[in-house]
Amino acid sequence: MTEPASTAAGGIALYKLGILAAIGSAVVAFVVMAMTTPRTTREFVVAMICTIVSSICGGAGVVRWFDLTSWMLDDIGMVAIGGIIFACGLPAWVIVRAWFNWSEARRLVPLPEMVKEFRDETGM
């Protein structure tokens, strides 16, 4: 059986990480969108969702991959994890923007031809 003190400390650390992830992912979305403003409301909403999900999930994946979970136990480590979460959200906006531009240029192309063109361009 686990001791109540260590379980409570882990719960508090997880709660702090959740708050940090939410704030950090919102900040990264605003920073990136300030650099390249979206053209339509649809693009803004999709990019915001993708950036936040990429920030939270990508940040968690990086923290888990490099086994940085022990950093959650002190405040400086939490700030560093916030930086990781911030950095993981940055590429999402670029990827979403590139996808919008690519697909918008091929709006009238049927889907099978679009997939074939994508495979030819990327070598997949």
C-alpha atoms as a PDB file:
ATOM      1  CA  MET A   1       0.000   0.000   0.000  1.00  0.00           C
ATOM      2  CA  THR A   2       1.314   3.467  -0.861  1.00  0.00           C
ATOM      3  CA  GLU A   3       1.746   6.067   1.814  1.00  0.00           C
ATOM      4  CA  PRO A   4      -0.789   8.885   1.764  1.00  0.00           C
ATOM      5  CA  ALA A   5       1.876  11.610   1.766  1.00  0.00           C
ATOM      6  CA  SER A   6       3.597  10.390  -1.418  1.00  0.00           C
ATOM      7  CA  THR A   7       0.263   9.843  -3.158  1.00  0.00           C
ATOM      8  CA  ALA A   8      -0.854  13.363  -2.250  1.00  0.00           C
ATOM      9  CA  ALA A   9       2.451  14.848  -3.462  1.00  0.00           C
ATOM     10  CA  GLY A  10       2.092  13.020  -6.775  1.00  0.00           C
ATOM     11  CA  GLY A  11      -1.474  14.255  -7.133  1.00  0.00           C
ATOM     12  CA  ILE A  12      -0.443  17.842  -6.452  1.00  0.00           C
ATOM     13  CA  ALA A  13       2.426  17.582  -8.957  1.00  0.00           C
ATOM     14  CA  LEU A  14       0.050  16.195 -11.588  1.00  0.00           C
ATOM     15  CA  TYR A  15      -2.436  18.998 -10.908  1.00  0.00           C
ATOM     16  CA  LYS A  16       0.330  21.605 -11.246  1.00  0.00           C
ATOM     17  CA  LEU A  17       1.473  20.016 -14.498  1.00  0.00           C
ATOM     18  CA  GLY A  18      -2.075  20.142 -15.873  1.00  0.00           C
ATOM     19  CA  ILE A  19      -2.408  23.842 -15.111  1.00  0.00           C
ATOM     20  CA  LEU A  20       1.040  24.530 -16.562  1.00  0.00           C
ATOM     21  CA  ALA A  21       0.219  22.565 -19.711  1.00  0.00           C
ATOM     22  CA  ALA A  22      -3.038  24.440 -20.252  1.00  0.00           C
ATOM     23  CA  ILE A  23      -1.485  27.870 -19.779  1.00  0.00           C
ATOM     24  CA  GLY A  24       1.651  27.001 -21.757  1.00  0.00           C
ATOM     25  CA  SER A  25      -0.246  25.571 -24.699  1.00  0.00           C
ATOM     26  CA  ALA A  26      -2.497  28.622 -24.909  1.00  0.00           C
ATOM     27  CA  VAL A  27       0.537  30.918 -24.823  1.00  0.00           C
ATOM     28  CA  VAL A  28       2.293  28.999 -27.591  1.00  0.00           C
ATOM     29  CA  ALA A  29      -0.812  29.158 -29.749  1.00  0.00           C
ATOM     30  CA  PHE A  30      -1.039  32.926 -29.356  1.00  0.00           C
ATOM     31  CA  VAL A  31       2.683  33.465 -29.955  1.00  0.00           C
ATOM     32  CA  VAL A  32       2.730  31.470 -33.168  1.00  0.00           C
ATOM     33  CA  MET A  33      -0.518  32.953 -34.461  1.00  0.00           C
ATOM     34  CA  ALA A  34       0.765  36.451 -33.767  1.00  0.00           C
ATOM     35  CA  MET A  35       3.696  35.688 -36.072  1.00  0.00           C
ATOM     36  CA  THR A  36       1.507  34.405 -38.930  1.00  0.00           C
ATOM     37  CA  THR A  37      -2.094  35.452 -38.548  1.00  0.00           C
ATOM     38  CA  PRO A  38      -4.787  33.093 -39.845  1.00  0.00           C
ATOM     39  CA  ARG A  39      -6.758  34.190 -42.891  1.00  0.00           C
ATOM     40  CA  THR A  40     -10.114  32.691 -41.976  1.00  0.00           C
ATOM     41  CA  THR A  41     -12.000  31.835 -38.800  1.00  0.00           C
ATOM     42  CA  ARG A  42     -11.980  28.178 -39.798  1.00  0.00           C
ATOM     43  CA  GLU A  43      -8.201  28.207 -40.128  1.00  0.00           C
ATOM     44  CA  PHE A  44      -7.898  29.944 -36.747  1.00  0.00           C
ATOM     45  CA  VAL A  45     -10.054  27.388 -34.936  1.00  0.00           C
ATOM     46  CA  VAL A  46      -8.380  24.352 -36.492  1.00  0.00           C
ATOM     47  CA  ALA A  47      -4.907  25.748 -35.900  1.00  0.00           C
ATOM     48  CA  MET A  48      -5.706  26.653 -32.293  1.00  0.00           C
ATOM     49  CA  ILE A  49      -7.000  23.157 -31.547  1.00  0.00           C
ATOM     50  CA  CYS A  50      -4.065  21.458 -33.291  1.00  0.00           C
ATOM     51  CA  THR A  51      -1.517  23.678 -31.553  1.00  0.00           C
ATOM     52  CA  ILE A  52      -2.980  23.071 -28.102  1.00  0.00           C
ATOM     53  CA  VAL A  53      -3.288  19.308 -28.624  1.00  0.00           C
ATOM     54  CA  SER A  54       0.243  19.129 -30.050  1.00  0.00           C
ATOM     55  CA  SER A  55       1.580  21.177 -27.178  1.00  0.00           C
ATOM     56  CA  ILE A  56      -0.003  19.067 -24.453  1.00  0.00           C
ATOM     57  CA  CYS A  57       0.376  15.631 -26.065  1.00  0.00           C
ATOM     58  CA  GLY A  58       3.752  16.290 -27.652  1.00  0.00           C
ATOM     59  CA  GLY A  59       5.080  17.797 -24.436  1.00  0.00           C
ATOM     60  CA  ALA A  60       3.858  14.818 -22.441  1.00  0.00           C
ATOM     61  CA  GLY A  61       5.425  12.463 -24.966  1.00  0.00           C
ATOM     62  CA  VAL A  62       8.796  14.196 -24.796  1.00  0.00           C
ATOM     63  CA  VAL A  63       8.712  14.259 -20.994  1.00  0.00           C
ATOM     64  CA  ARG A  64       7.858  10.564 -20.941  1.00  0.00           C
ATOM     65  CA  TRP A  65      10.366   9.587 -23.678  1.00  0.00           C
ATOM     66  CA  PHE A  66      13.293  11.253 -21.888  1.00  0.00           C
ATOM     67  CA  ASP A  67      12.019  10.162 -18.434  1.00  0.00           C
ATOM     68  CA  LEU A  68      11.762  13.727 -17.091  1.00  0.00           C
ATOM     69  CA  THR A  69       8.842  13.019 -14.761  1.00  0.00           C
ATOM     70  CA  SER A  70      11.049  13.525 -11.700  1.00  0.00           C
ATOM     71  CA  TRP A  71      11.271  17.207 -12.677  1.00  0.00           C
ATOM     72  CA  MET A  72       7.639  17.639 -11.651  1.00  0.00           C
ATOM     73  CA  LEU A  73       8.587  17.469  -7.991  1.00  0.00           C
ATOM     74  CA  ASP A  74      10.229  20.896  -7.782  1.00  0.00           C
ATOM     75  CA  ASP A  75       9.240  24.311  -9.093  1.00  0.00           C
ATOM     76  CA  ILE A  76      12.246  24.877 -11.366  1.00  0.00           C
ATOM     77  CA  GLY A  77      11.653  21.489 -12.981  1.00  0.00           C
ATOM     78  CA  MET A  78       8.027  22.448 -13.599  1.00  0.00           C
ATOM     79  CA  VAL A  79       9.171  25.612 -15.369  1.00  0.00           C
ATOM     80  CA  ALA A  80      11.517  23.547 -17.544  1.00  0.00           C
ATOM     81  CA  ILE A  81       8.688  21.152 -18.392  1.00  0.00           C
ATOM     82  CA  GLY A  82       6.578  24.186 -19.299  1.00  0.00           C
ATOM     83  CA  GLY A  83       9.296  25.170 -21.779  1.00  0.00           C
ATOM     84  CA  ILE A  84       9.190  21.688 -23.282  1.00  0.00           C
ATOM     85  CA  ILE A  85       5.409  21.902 -23.600  1.00  0.00           C
ATOM     86  CA  PHE A  86       5.769  25.326 -25.226  1.00  0.00           C
ATOM     87  CA  ALA A  87       8.355  24.095 -27.734  1.00  0.00           C
ATOM     88  CA  CYS A  88       6.306  21.034 -28.703  1.00  0.00           C
ATOM     89  CA  GLY A  89       3.360  23.185 -29.765  1.00  0.00           C
ATOM     90  CA  LEU A  90       5.322  25.390 -32.165  1.00  0.00           C
ATOM     91  CA  PRO A  91       5.565  22.980 -35.139  1.00  0.00           C
ATOM     92  CA  ALA A  92       1.824  22.234 -35.135  1.00  0.00           C
ATOM     93  CA  TRP A  93       0.847  25.672 -36.412  1.00  0.00           C
ATOM     94  CA  VAL A  94       3.378  25.462 -39.253  1.00  0.00           C
ATOM     95  CA  ILE A  95       2.158  21.990 -40.245  1.00  0.00           C
ATOM     96  CA  VAL A  96      -1.511  23.039 -40.133  1.00  0.00           C
ATOM     97  CA  ARG A  97      -0.790  26.210 -42.120  1.00  0.00           C
ATOM     98  CA  ALA A  98       1.135  24.255 -44.764  1.00  0.00           C
ATOM     99  CA  TRP A  99      -1.713  21.723 -45.017  1.00  0.00           C
ATOM    100  CA  PHE A 100      -4.304  24.493 -45.456  1.00  0.00           C
ATOM    101  CA  ASN A 101      -2.255  26.153 -48.190  1.00  0.00           C
ATOM    102  CA  TRP A 102      -1.562  22.866 -49.995  1.00  0.00           C
ATOM    103  CA  SER A 103      -5.142  21.612 -49.872  1.00  0.00           C
ATOM    104  CA  GLU A 104      -6.633  25.021 -50.724  1.00  0.00           C
ATOM    105  CA  ALA A 105      -4.515  25.167 -53.898  1.00  0.00           C
ATOM    106  CA  ARG A 106      -5.993  21.792 -54.906  1.00  0.00           C
ATOM    107  CA  ARG A 107      -9.588  22.433 -53.905  1.00  0.00           C
ATOM    108  CA  LEU A 108     -11.080  21.198 -57.190  1.00  0.00           C
ATOM    109  CA  VAL A 109      -8.875  18.089 -57.451  1.00  0.00           C
ATOM    110  CA  PRO A 110     -10.612  14.795 -56.519  1.00  0.00           C
ATOM    111  CA  LEU A 111      -9.332  13.098 -53.380  1.00  0.00           C
ATOM    112  CA  PRO A 112      -7.699  10.052 -55.060  1.00  0.00           C
ATOM    113  CA  GLU A 113      -5.687  12.341 -57.341  1.00  0.00           C
ATOM    114  CA  MET A 114      -4.729  14.518 -54.375  1.00  0.00           C
ATOM    115  CA  VAL A 115      -3.445  11.455 -52.483  1.00  0.00           C
ATOM    116  CA  LYS A 116      -1.498  10.285 -55.550  1.00  0.00           C
ATOM    117  CA  GLU A 117       0.036  13.743 -55.965  1.00  0.00           C
ATOM    118  CA  PHE A 118       0.962  13.858 -52.268  1.00  0.00           C
ATOM    119  CA  ARG A 119       2.639  10.445 -52.494  1.00  0.00           C
ATOM    120  CA  ASP A 120       4.554  11.467 -55.620  1.00  0.00           C
ATOM    121  CA  GLU A 121       5.763  14.711 -54.011  1.00  0.00           C
ATOM    122  CA  THR A 122       6.839  13.135 -50.725  1.00  0.00           C
ATOM    123  CA  GLY A 123       8.157   9.841 -52.101  1.00  0.00           C
ATOM    124  CA  MET A 124       5.887   7.751 -49.868  1.00  0.00           C
END
